[in-house]
């Protein structure tokens, strides 16, 4: 179990980075930026265990770890403390970017082959909510945006 005390003994915080206070190995000298790039964001090792860097930065500042931490701007490499906020799993999922598999170019919008129209959907608490069929994908996207602002609040991401 890592603690804020341990993290503060090992690192200083500087503008979204953890700076090593102690040299761990020759490749991790004192004064160097801690962490290495991973598939989704950065990780740092403490006592031979890997942690997500943003979680250690949160612990450094606040002394506890929430279940999830959301990057407000959606960028997992931006670990500035002002870009981090505690979130539930559902809140964190609301703040996701448009999937790369999306073919409409608009989040929450897809083509319905059966209806030959654009369909808008939004997910709330793991349930898909149907927003309607539209002749124009921009109108479908406007429907998604309105619903996202209303249903997702501060965790709404419409792009």
N, C-alpha and C. Protein backbone atom coordinates (compact mmCIF):
# COMPACT_ATOMS: atom_id res chain seq x y z
N UNK A 1 0.85 -1.19 0.00
CA UNK A 1 0.00 0.00 0.00
C UNK A 1 0.89 1.24 0.00
N UNK A 2 0.69 2.08 -0.98
CA UNK A 2 1.47 3.31 -1.02
C UNK A 2 0.71 4.42 -0.31
N UNK A 3 1.45 5.35 0.24
CA UNK A 3 0.86 6.46 0.99
C UNK A 3 1.36 7.78 0.43
N UNK A 4 0.67 8.83 0.80
CA UNK A 4 1.11 10.17 0.40
C UNK A 4 2.50 10.45 0.96
N UNK A 5 2.76 10.01 2.17
CA UNK A 5 4.08 10.22 2.79
C UNK A 5 5.18 9.58 1.94
N UNK A 6 4.98 8.34 1.52
CA UNK A 6 5.97 7.66 0.69
C UNK A 6 6.15 8.39 -0.63
N UNK A 7 5.06 8.76 -1.26
CA UNK A 7 5.13 9.43 -2.56
C UNK A 7 5.87 10.76 -2.43
N UNK A 8 5.62 11.50 -1.35
CA UNK A 8 6.30 12.78 -1.15
C UNK A 8 7.78 12.60 -0.78
N UNK A 9 8.13 11.46 -0.20
CA UNK A 9 9.54 11.16 0.06
C UNK A 9 10.29 10.87 -1.25
N UNK A 10 9.59 10.27 -2.20
CA UNK A 10 10.22 9.86 -3.46
C UNK A 10 10.22 10.94 -4.54
N UNK A 11 9.16 11.79 -4.55
CA UNK A 11 8.96 12.71 -5.67
C UNK A 11 8.58 14.11 -5.23
N UNK A 12 8.92 15.06 -6.09
CA UNK A 12 8.36 16.41 -6.07
C UNK A 12 7.43 16.50 -7.26
N UNK A 13 6.48 17.42 -7.20
CA UNK A 13 5.55 17.63 -8.31
C UNK A 13 5.92 18.92 -9.02
N UNK A 14 5.90 18.90 -10.35
CA UNK A 14 6.16 20.11 -11.13
C UNK A 14 5.35 20.09 -12.41
N UNK A 15 4.26 20.85 -12.44
CA UNK A 15 3.49 21.09 -13.67
C UNK A 15 3.11 19.81 -14.42
N UNK A 16 2.55 18.85 -13.72
CA UNK A 16 2.09 17.61 -14.35
C UNK A 16 3.13 16.51 -14.37
N UNK A 17 4.30 16.76 -13.80
CA UNK A 17 5.36 15.75 -13.75
C UNK A 17 5.75 15.45 -12.32
N UNK A 18 6.22 14.23 -12.11
CA UNK A 18 6.84 13.88 -10.84
C UNK A 18 8.35 13.89 -11.07
N UNK A 19 9.08 14.57 -10.17
CA UNK A 19 10.53 14.68 -10.26
C UNK A 19 11.13 13.85 -9.13
N UNK A 20 12.06 12.97 -9.49
CA UNK A 20 12.66 12.07 -8.50
C UNK A 20 13.50 12.85 -7.48
N UNK A 21 13.27 12.57 -6.21
CA UNK A 21 14.07 13.15 -5.14
C UNK A 21 15.30 12.30 -4.84
N UNK A 22 15.19 11.01 -5.18
CA UNK A 22 16.27 10.06 -4.91
C UNK A 22 16.60 9.30 -6.18
N UNK A 23 17.84 8.91 -6.33
CA UNK A 23 18.25 8.09 -7.45
C UNK A 23 17.91 6.64 -7.13
N UNK A 24 17.15 6.00 -8.03
CA UNK A 24 16.77 4.61 -7.81
C UNK A 24 17.76 3.69 -8.52
N UNK A 25 18.03 3.98 -9.76
CA UNK A 25 18.99 3.24 -10.56
C UNK A 25 19.74 4.26 -11.40
N UNK A 26 20.76 3.83 -12.10
CA UNK A 26 21.52 4.76 -12.92
C UNK A 26 20.65 5.38 -14.02
N UNK A 27 19.63 4.63 -14.46
CA UNK A 27 18.76 5.18 -15.51
C UNK A 27 17.65 6.05 -14.94
N UNK A 28 17.54 6.14 -13.61
CA UNK A 28 16.54 6.97 -12.95
C UNK A 28 17.21 7.87 -11.91
N UNK A 29 18.03 8.82 -12.36
CA UNK A 29 18.77 9.64 -11.41
C UNK A 29 17.91 10.68 -10.69
N UNK A 30 18.42 11.15 -9.58
CA UNK A 30 17.76 12.21 -8.84
C UNK A 30 17.57 13.41 -9.77
N UNK A 31 16.41 14.05 -9.68
CA UNK A 31 16.13 15.21 -10.52
C UNK A 31 15.50 14.89 -11.86
N UNK A 32 15.44 13.60 -12.21
CA UNK A 32 14.84 13.22 -13.50
C UNK A 32 13.32 13.12 -13.39
N UNK A 33 12.67 13.26 -14.53
CA UNK A 33 11.22 13.12 -14.58
C UNK A 33 10.88 11.63 -14.47
N UNK A 34 9.97 11.30 -13.55
CA UNK A 34 9.58 9.91 -13.33
C UNK A 34 8.46 9.52 -14.29
N UNK A 35 8.44 8.27 -14.66
CA UNK A 35 7.36 7.75 -15.48
C UNK A 35 7.81 7.37 -16.86
N UNK A 36 7.09 6.44 -17.44
CA UNK A 36 7.36 6.03 -18.81
C UNK A 36 6.05 5.93 -19.56
N UNK A 37 6.12 6.19 -20.86
CA UNK A 37 4.93 6.18 -21.71
C UNK A 37 4.42 4.76 -21.84
N UNK A 38 3.12 4.61 -21.70
CA UNK A 38 2.45 3.33 -21.89
C UNK A 38 1.37 3.53 -22.95
N UNK A 39 0.62 2.50 -23.26
CA UNK A 39 -0.40 2.59 -24.30
C UNK A 39 -1.40 3.71 -24.00
N UNK A 40 -1.83 3.81 -22.77
CA UNK A 40 -2.78 4.85 -22.37
C UNK A 40 -2.17 5.69 -21.25
N UNK A 41 -1.44 6.73 -21.58
CA UNK A 41 -0.87 7.62 -20.58
C UNK A 41 0.50 7.15 -20.11
N UNK A 42 0.83 7.51 -18.88
CA UNK A 42 2.14 7.23 -18.31
C UNK A 42 2.02 6.39 -17.05
N UNK A 43 3.07 5.62 -16.78
CA UNK A 43 3.15 4.81 -15.57
C UNK A 43 4.43 5.15 -14.82
N UNK A 44 4.41 4.90 -13.53
CA UNK A 44 5.59 5.07 -12.70
C UNK A 44 5.69 3.84 -11.79
N UNK A 45 6.92 3.41 -11.51
CA UNK A 45 7.13 2.26 -10.63
C UNK A 45 7.51 2.72 -9.24
N UNK A 46 6.87 2.12 -8.26
CA UNK A 46 7.19 2.36 -6.86
C UNK A 46 7.27 1.00 -6.20
N UNK A 47 8.39 0.71 -5.61
CA UNK A 47 8.63 -0.59 -4.96
C UNK A 47 8.29 -1.75 -5.90
N UNK A 48 8.75 -1.64 -7.12
CA UNK A 48 8.61 -2.68 -8.15
C UNK A 48 7.17 -2.92 -8.61
N UNK A 49 6.29 -1.99 -8.32
CA UNK A 49 4.91 -2.10 -8.78
C UNK A 49 4.59 -0.88 -9.64
N UNK A 50 3.87 -1.11 -10.76
CA UNK A 50 3.53 -0.02 -11.68
C UNK A 50 2.20 0.63 -11.29
N UNK A 51 2.19 1.95 -11.34
CA UNK A 51 0.99 2.73 -11.07
C UNK A 51 0.79 3.73 -12.20
N UNK A 52 -0.44 4.08 -12.46
CA UNK A 52 -0.71 5.14 -13.42
C UNK A 52 -0.24 6.45 -12.81
N UNK A 53 0.51 7.21 -13.60
CA UNK A 53 1.13 8.43 -13.11
C UNK A 53 0.11 9.42 -12.54
N UNK A 54 -1.04 9.57 -13.22
CA UNK A 54 -2.02 10.54 -12.74
C UNK A 54 -2.57 10.17 -11.37
N UNK A 55 -2.61 8.88 -11.07
CA UNK A 55 -3.09 8.46 -9.75
C UNK A 55 -2.08 8.82 -8.66
N UNK A 56 -0.79 8.69 -8.97
CA UNK A 56 0.25 9.04 -8.00
C UNK A 56 0.29 10.56 -7.80
N UNK A 57 0.08 11.30 -8.88
CA UNK A 57 0.02 12.76 -8.75
C UNK A 57 -1.16 13.16 -7.87
N UNK A 58 -2.31 12.52 -8.05
CA UNK A 58 -3.47 12.81 -7.21
C UNK A 58 -3.15 12.50 -5.75
N UNK A 59 -2.58 11.33 -5.49
CA UNK A 59 -2.21 10.94 -4.13
C UNK A 59 -1.23 11.93 -3.53
N UNK A 60 -0.25 12.37 -4.31
CA UNK A 60 0.74 13.35 -3.85
C UNK A 60 0.04 14.61 -3.34
N UNK A 61 -0.98 15.07 -4.07
CA UNK A 61 -1.67 16.31 -3.70
C UNK A 61 -2.69 16.14 -2.58
N UNK A 62 -3.49 15.09 -2.63
CA UNK A 62 -4.66 14.99 -1.77
C UNK A 62 -4.60 13.90 -0.70
N UNK A 63 -3.66 12.97 -0.80
CA UNK A 63 -3.48 11.97 0.25
C UNK A 63 -4.44 10.79 0.19
N UNK A 64 -5.25 10.69 -0.85
CA UNK A 64 -6.14 9.54 -1.01
C UNK A 64 -6.30 9.26 -2.50
N UNK A 65 -6.80 8.07 -2.80
CA UNK A 65 -7.04 7.69 -4.18
C UNK A 65 -8.52 7.38 -4.39
N UNK A 66 -9.21 8.16 -5.22
CA UNK A 66 -10.59 7.82 -5.55
C UNK A 66 -10.61 6.58 -6.44
N UNK A 67 -11.77 5.99 -6.63
CA UNK A 67 -11.86 4.79 -7.49
C UNK A 67 -11.33 5.07 -8.89
N UNK A 68 -11.72 6.21 -9.45
CA UNK A 68 -11.26 6.59 -10.79
C UNK A 68 -10.89 8.06 -10.78
N UNK A 69 -9.99 8.41 -11.68
CA UNK A 69 -9.59 9.80 -11.88
C UNK A 69 -9.76 10.10 -13.36
N UNK A 70 -10.47 11.17 -13.64
CA UNK A 70 -10.77 11.57 -15.01
C UNK A 70 -9.83 12.69 -15.44
N UNK A 71 -9.35 12.62 -16.69
CA UNK A 71 -8.62 13.72 -17.30
C UNK A 71 -9.67 14.62 -17.96
N UNK A 72 -9.83 15.82 -17.46
CA UNK A 72 -10.90 16.72 -17.92
C UNK A 72 -10.82 16.94 -19.42
N UNK A 73 -9.61 17.16 -19.96
CA UNK A 73 -9.47 17.43 -21.39
C UNK A 73 -9.41 16.15 -22.23
N UNK A 74 -9.50 14.99 -21.59
CA UNK A 74 -9.48 13.73 -22.32
C UNK A 74 -8.10 13.28 -22.76
N UNK A 75 -7.07 14.02 -22.43
CA UNK A 75 -5.70 13.69 -22.82
C UNK A 75 -5.00 12.96 -21.67
N UNK A 76 -4.76 11.65 -21.81
CA UNK A 76 -4.16 10.89 -20.71
C UNK A 76 -2.70 11.26 -20.43
N UNK A 77 -2.11 12.08 -21.27
CA UNK A 77 -0.73 12.53 -21.05
C UNK A 77 -0.68 13.87 -20.31
N UNK A 78 -1.82 14.54 -20.16
CA UNK A 78 -1.87 15.81 -19.45
C UNK A 78 -2.20 15.54 -17.99
N UNK A 79 -1.16 15.41 -17.17
CA UNK A 79 -1.34 15.06 -15.76
C UNK A 79 -1.21 16.25 -14.82
N UNK A 80 -1.46 17.45 -15.33
CA UNK A 80 -1.48 18.62 -14.45
C UNK A 80 -2.64 18.44 -13.48
N UNK A 81 -2.42 18.80 -12.23
CA UNK A 81 -3.43 18.55 -11.20
C UNK A 81 -4.75 19.24 -11.52
N UNK A 82 -4.70 20.39 -12.18
CA UNK A 82 -5.94 21.10 -12.51
C UNK A 82 -6.72 20.40 -13.63
N UNK A 83 -6.10 19.41 -14.29
CA UNK A 83 -6.77 18.64 -15.34
C UNK A 83 -7.33 17.31 -14.82
N UNK A 84 -7.17 17.05 -13.54
CA UNK A 84 -7.61 15.79 -12.95
C UNK A 84 -8.78 16.02 -12.00
N UNK A 85 -9.72 15.07 -12.00
CA UNK A 85 -10.84 15.14 -11.08
C UNK A 85 -11.30 13.72 -10.74
N UNK A 86 -11.80 13.54 -9.51
CA UNK A 86 -12.33 12.22 -9.17
C UNK A 86 -13.61 11.97 -9.96
N UNK A 87 -13.84 10.70 -10.30
CA UNK A 87 -15.02 10.36 -11.10
C UNK A 87 -15.43 8.93 -10.80
N UNK A 88 -16.70 8.67 -11.03
CA UNK A 88 -17.16 7.28 -11.01
C UNK A 88 -16.79 6.66 -12.36
N UNK A 89 -16.93 5.38 -12.49
CA UNK A 89 -16.64 4.71 -13.77
C UNK A 89 -17.56 5.26 -14.87
N UNK A 90 -18.83 5.42 -14.56
CA UNK A 90 -19.77 5.95 -15.55
C UNK A 90 -19.42 7.37 -15.95
N UNK A 91 -19.04 8.21 -14.98
CA UNK A 91 -18.65 9.59 -15.31
C UNK A 91 -17.41 9.60 -16.19
N UNK A 92 -16.46 8.76 -15.87
CA UNK A 92 -15.23 8.70 -16.66
C UNK A 92 -15.54 8.25 -18.09
N UNK A 93 -16.46 7.32 -18.25
CA UNK A 93 -16.82 6.85 -19.59
C UNK A 93 -17.57 7.91 -20.40
N UNK A 94 -18.29 8.79 -19.73
CA UNK A 94 -19.00 9.86 -20.43
C UNK A 94 -18.03 10.82 -21.11
N UNK A 95 -16.85 10.95 -20.52
CA UNK A 95 -15.86 11.91 -21.01
C UNK A 95 -14.90 11.26 -22.01
N UNK A 96 -15.35 10.26 -22.75
CA UNK A 96 -14.49 9.61 -23.73
C UNK A 96 -14.61 10.29 -25.09
N UNK A 97 -13.58 10.11 -25.88
CA UNK A 97 -13.58 10.66 -27.23
C UNK A 97 -14.40 9.76 -28.15
N UNK A 98 -14.66 10.26 -29.34
CA UNK A 98 -15.40 9.49 -30.34
C UNK A 98 -14.57 8.26 -30.72
N UNK A 99 -15.17 7.09 -30.76
CA UNK A 99 -14.42 5.88 -31.13
C UNK A 99 -13.86 5.98 -32.55
N UNK A 100 -12.70 5.39 -32.77
CA UNK A 100 -12.10 5.44 -34.11
C UNK A 100 -12.89 4.62 -35.11
N UNK A 101 -13.77 3.75 -34.62
CA UNK A 101 -14.61 2.95 -35.51
C UNK A 101 -15.83 3.72 -36.01
N UNK A 102 -16.06 4.92 -35.48
CA UNK A 102 -17.21 5.72 -35.88
C UNK A 102 -17.06 6.14 -37.34
N UNK A 103 -18.07 5.88 -38.13
CA UNK A 103 -18.02 6.18 -39.57
C UNK A 103 -18.79 7.44 -39.95
N UNK A 104 -19.59 7.97 -39.03
CA UNK A 104 -20.38 9.16 -39.36
C UNK A 104 -19.56 10.44 -39.22
N UNK A 105 -18.51 10.38 -38.38
CA UNK A 105 -17.74 11.58 -38.11
C UNK A 105 -18.29 12.37 -36.93
N UNK A 106 -19.37 11.88 -36.32
CA UNK A 106 -20.00 12.57 -35.20
C UNK A 106 -20.26 11.58 -34.06
N UNK A 107 -19.89 11.98 -32.87
CA UNK A 107 -20.10 11.13 -31.71
C UNK A 107 -21.59 10.92 -31.47
N UNK A 108 -22.00 9.68 -31.21
CA UNK A 108 -23.39 9.36 -30.93
C UNK A 108 -24.26 9.19 -32.15
N UNK A 109 -23.65 9.24 -33.34
CA UNK A 109 -24.43 9.18 -34.59
C UNK A 109 -23.94 8.01 -35.44
N UNK A 110 -24.90 7.25 -35.97
CA UNK A 110 -24.56 6.14 -36.88
C UNK A 110 -25.66 6.03 -37.94
N UNK A 111 -25.37 5.25 -38.97
CA UNK A 111 -26.32 5.06 -40.07
C UNK A 111 -27.17 3.83 -39.80
N UNK A 112 -28.48 3.98 -39.96
CA UNK A 112 -29.39 2.85 -39.82
C UNK A 112 -29.70 2.34 -41.23
N UNK A 113 -29.22 1.16 -41.55
CA UNK A 113 -29.48 0.57 -42.87
C UNK A 113 -30.97 0.29 -43.04
N UNK A 114 -31.59 -0.20 -41.99
CA UNK A 114 -33.01 -0.56 -42.07
C UNK A 114 -33.89 0.66 -42.35
N UNK A 115 -33.62 1.76 -41.65
CA UNK A 115 -34.45 2.96 -41.81
C UNK A 115 -33.95 3.88 -42.91
N UNK A 116 -32.69 3.64 -43.33
CA UNK A 116 -32.03 4.52 -44.31
C UNK A 116 -32.02 5.97 -43.82
N UNK A 117 -31.69 6.10 -42.53
CA UNK A 117 -31.59 7.42 -41.90
C UNK A 117 -30.46 7.38 -40.88
N UNK A 118 -30.09 8.56 -40.39
CA UNK A 118 -29.10 8.68 -39.33
C UNK A 118 -29.80 8.50 -37.99
N UNK A 119 -29.16 7.75 -37.11
CA UNK A 119 -29.74 7.48 -35.79
C UNK A 119 -28.82 8.08 -34.72
N UNK A 120 -29.43 8.67 -33.72
CA UNK A 120 -28.67 9.23 -32.60
C UNK A 120 -28.99 8.42 -31.34
N UNK A 121 -27.94 8.05 -30.62
CA UNK A 121 -28.05 7.33 -29.36
C UNK A 121 -27.08 7.92 -28.35
N UNK A 122 -27.39 7.75 -27.09
CA UNK A 122 -26.47 8.15 -26.02
C UNK A 122 -26.51 7.07 -24.95
N UNK A 123 -25.40 6.85 -24.29
CA UNK A 123 -25.34 5.85 -23.22
C UNK A 123 -25.32 6.56 -21.87
N UNK A 124 -26.21 6.15 -20.99
CA UNK A 124 -26.29 6.69 -19.64
C UNK A 124 -26.41 5.51 -18.67
N UNK A 125 -25.48 5.45 -17.72
CA UNK A 125 -25.47 4.36 -16.74
C UNK A 125 -25.54 2.99 -17.40
N UNK A 126 -24.72 2.80 -18.41
CA UNK A 126 -24.59 1.54 -19.16
C UNK A 126 -25.83 1.17 -19.95
N UNK A 127 -26.74 2.10 -20.17
CA UNK A 127 -27.94 1.84 -20.96
C UNK A 127 -27.96 2.77 -22.17
N UNK A 128 -28.19 2.18 -23.34
CA UNK A 128 -28.27 2.97 -24.56
C UNK A 128 -29.66 3.59 -24.66
N UNK A 129 -29.69 4.90 -24.89
CA UNK A 129 -30.94 5.64 -25.01
C UNK A 129 -31.08 6.11 -26.45
N UNK A 130 -32.18 5.75 -27.06
CA UNK A 130 -32.49 6.13 -28.44
C UNK A 130 -32.95 7.59 -28.46
N UNK A 131 -32.32 8.41 -29.32
CA UNK A 131 -32.67 9.82 -29.41
C UNK A 131 -33.47 10.16 -30.67
N UNK A 132 -33.48 9.25 -31.64
CA UNK A 132 -34.30 9.50 -32.82
C UNK A 132 -33.61 9.20 -34.13
N UNK A 133 -34.40 9.23 -35.21
CA UNK A 133 -33.91 9.06 -36.57
C UNK A 133 -33.94 10.41 -37.27
N UNK A 134 -32.94 10.66 -38.12
CA UNK A 134 -32.81 11.96 -38.76
C UNK A 134 -32.39 11.80 -40.22
N UNK A 135 -32.87 12.69 -41.06
CA UNK A 135 -32.47 12.70 -42.47
C UNK A 135 -31.04 13.20 -42.63
N UNK A 136 -30.60 14.04 -41.69
CA UNK A 136 -29.29 14.69 -41.77
C UNK A 136 -28.46 14.30 -40.55
N UNK A 137 -27.21 13.90 -40.77
CA UNK A 137 -26.39 13.48 -39.63
C UNK A 137 -26.05 14.65 -38.70
N UNK A 138 -26.06 15.87 -39.21
CA UNK A 138 -25.80 17.03 -38.36
C UNK A 138 -26.95 17.24 -37.38
N UNK A 139 -28.18 17.02 -37.82
CA UNK A 139 -29.34 17.12 -36.92
C UNK A 139 -29.28 16.02 -35.85
N UNK A 140 -28.85 14.83 -36.24
CA UNK A 140 -28.69 13.73 -35.28
C UNK A 140 -27.63 14.10 -34.24
N UNK A 141 -26.54 14.71 -34.72
CA UNK A 141 -25.47 15.11 -33.80
C UNK A 141 -25.94 16.22 -32.85
N UNK A 142 -26.72 17.14 -33.34
CA UNK A 142 -27.27 18.20 -32.48
C UNK A 142 -28.13 17.59 -31.38
N UNK A 143 -28.89 16.57 -31.72
CA UNK A 143 -29.70 15.87 -30.73
C UNK A 143 -28.81 15.20 -29.67
N UNK A 144 -27.73 14.56 -30.14
CA UNK A 144 -26.78 13.93 -29.21
C UNK A 144 -26.16 14.99 -28.29
N UNK A 145 -25.74 16.12 -28.85
CA UNK A 145 -25.10 17.17 -28.05
C UNK A 145 -26.04 17.70 -26.97
N UNK A 146 -27.28 17.95 -27.34
CA UNK A 146 -28.26 18.43 -26.35
C UNK A 146 -28.44 17.41 -25.23
N UNK A 147 -28.58 16.16 -25.60
CA UNK A 147 -28.77 15.10 -24.60
C UNK A 147 -27.53 14.94 -23.73
N UNK A 148 -26.35 15.03 -24.32
CA UNK A 148 -25.11 14.88 -23.57
C UNK A 148 -24.96 15.99 -22.52
N UNK A 149 -25.23 17.21 -22.92
CA UNK A 149 -25.13 18.33 -21.97
C UNK A 149 -26.11 18.16 -20.82
N UNK A 150 -27.30 17.69 -21.14
CA UNK A 150 -28.35 17.51 -20.13
C UNK A 150 -28.07 16.30 -19.23
N UNK A 151 -27.69 15.18 -19.83
CA UNK A 151 -27.55 13.93 -19.09
C UNK A 151 -26.16 13.69 -18.50
N UNK A 152 -25.13 14.25 -19.12
CA UNK A 152 -23.76 14.02 -18.66
C UNK A 152 -23.18 15.19 -17.88
N UNK A 153 -23.82 16.35 -17.96
CA UNK A 153 -23.37 17.52 -17.19
C UNK A 153 -21.91 17.86 -17.42
N UNK A 154 -21.16 18.04 -16.32
CA UNK A 154 -19.75 18.46 -16.43
C UNK A 154 -18.87 17.40 -17.11
N UNK A 155 -19.35 16.18 -17.21
CA UNK A 155 -18.58 15.11 -17.87
C UNK A 155 -18.94 14.95 -19.34
N UNK A 156 -19.75 15.87 -19.87
CA UNK A 156 -20.14 15.80 -21.28
C UNK A 156 -18.95 16.06 -22.19
N UNK A 157 -18.76 15.19 -23.17
CA UNK A 157 -17.76 15.41 -24.22
C UNK A 157 -18.48 15.18 -25.52
N UNK A 158 -18.59 16.23 -26.31
CA UNK A 158 -19.36 16.12 -27.54
C UNK A 158 -18.49 16.00 -28.77
N UNK A 159 -17.19 16.05 -28.63
CA UNK A 159 -16.32 15.90 -29.80
C UNK A 159 -15.48 14.65 -29.69
